Protein backbone atom coordinates (compact mmCIF):
# COMPACT_ATOMS: atom_id res chain seq x y z
CA MET A 1 -111.49 130.37 -115.80
CA ASN A 2 -109.45 129.25 -112.64
CA GLN A 3 -110.46 128.34 -108.95
CA ASP A 4 -109.09 132.00 -107.82
CA THR A 5 -111.69 133.63 -109.67
CA VAL A 6 -114.66 131.47 -108.74
CA VAL A 7 -113.68 132.16 -105.36
CA SER A 8 -113.80 136.23 -105.56
CA LEU A 9 -116.76 135.87 -107.79
CA ALA A 10 -118.53 134.11 -104.81
CA THR A 11 -117.54 136.73 -102.76
CA GLN A 12 -118.43 139.49 -103.82
CA ALA A 13 -121.80 137.96 -104.17
CA MET A 14 -122.05 137.62 -100.82
CA THR A 15 -120.76 140.87 -99.80
CA LEU A 16 -123.74 142.34 -102.16
CA ALA A 17 -126.25 140.14 -100.57
CA PHE A 18 -125.23 141.25 -97.37
CA GLU A 19 -124.88 144.84 -97.46
CA VAL A 20 -128.65 145.15 -99.68
CA ALA A 21 -130.15 142.60 -96.91
CA GLY A 22 -128.78 143.53 -93.93
CA PRO A 23 -130.47 146.32 -93.58
CA ILE A 24 -133.51 144.68 -93.92
CA LEU A 25 -132.81 142.14 -91.17
CA LEU A 26 -131.64 144.62 -89.04
CA VAL A 27 -134.76 146.90 -89.18
CA GLY A 28 -136.92 143.70 -89.00
CA LEU A 29 -135.24 142.14 -85.94
CA VAL A 30 -135.53 145.69 -84.10
CA ILE A 31 -138.62 146.70 -84.52
CA GLY A 32 -139.40 142.89 -83.22
CA LEU A 33 -137.83 143.25 -80.26
CA ALA A 34 -139.14 146.34 -79.22
CA VAL A 35 -142.95 143.96 -79.98
CA SER A 36 -141.55 141.51 -78.67
CA LEU A 37 -140.72 143.82 -75.57
CA PHE A 38 -143.74 146.00 -75.36
CA GLN A 39 -146.27 142.61 -75.72
CA ALA A 40 -144.51 141.65 -72.68
CA VAL A 41 -145.10 144.66 -70.69
CA THR A 42 -148.38 144.87 -71.11
CA GLN A 43 -149.66 141.56 -71.51
CA ILE A 44 -150.91 141.90 -74.76
CA GLN A 45 -150.26 138.45 -76.82
CA GLU A 46 -152.22 139.66 -79.96
CA GLN A 47 -150.19 137.98 -82.99
CA SER A 48 -150.68 140.27 -85.39
CA LEU A 49 -149.72 142.94 -83.72
CA SER A 50 -145.72 141.48 -84.33
CA PHE A 51 -146.56 142.31 -88.07
CA ILE A 52 -148.17 145.07 -88.61
CA PRO A 53 -145.14 147.34 -87.18
CA LYS A 54 -142.98 144.87 -89.19
CA ILE A 55 -144.59 145.60 -92.39
CA ILE A 56 -144.52 149.49 -91.78
CA GLY A 57 -140.90 149.66 -90.87
CA LEU A 58 -139.91 147.26 -93.82
CA ALA A 59 -141.74 149.20 -96.50
CA VAL A 60 -140.41 152.63 -95.16
CA LEU A 61 -136.63 151.52 -95.47
CA ILE A 62 -137.45 149.85 -98.59
CA VAL A 63 -139.18 152.88 -99.89
CA VAL A 64 -136.08 155.37 -98.45
CA LEU A 65 -132.70 152.43 -99.25
CA GLY A 66 -134.47 150.94 -102.34
CA PRO A 67 -132.95 152.97 -105.23
CA TRP A 68 -128.82 152.18 -103.08
CA MET A 69 -129.83 148.62 -103.19
CA MET A 70 -130.77 148.91 -106.82
CA ASP A 71 -127.78 150.74 -107.91
CA ARG A 72 -125.56 148.17 -105.64
CA LEU A 73 -127.26 145.49 -107.82
CA ILE A 74 -127.12 146.88 -110.85
CA ASN A 75 -123.50 147.84 -110.83
CA TYR A 76 -122.47 144.31 -109.50
CA VAL A 77 -124.38 142.78 -112.20
CA VAL A 78 -123.26 144.81 -114.87
CA ASN A 79 -119.12 144.60 -114.03
CA LEU A 80 -120.18 141.16 -113.96
CA TYR A 81 -121.93 140.92 -117.72
CA THR A 82 -119.12 143.41 -119.36
CA SER A 83 -116.31 141.10 -117.53
CA ILE A 84 -117.13 137.58 -118.79
CA PRO A 85 -115.24 137.84 -122.00
CA SER A 86 -111.95 138.65 -119.91
CA LEU A 87 -113.37 136.27 -117.52
CA VAL A 88 -113.58 133.12 -120.22
CA HIS A 89 -110.42 133.76 -121.37
């Protein structure tokens, strides 16, 4: 296994991590921004108000995109494990 192979594997792993984590982070960011804007407009400064919408939004996102995320992760791991013999030699 040479340096190019290691860099390629690391690049694939980081790309997959960004693809899987991106929607979760984006939804959390959008919901947090919306709740902060709502709190600024109404001057309601309840701290628990910011957590409940994020939890609900992320739970819905995981239910909707969870199978796609798991499929991507499983395919990557299966491809990685099946390519181990060719990577060693």
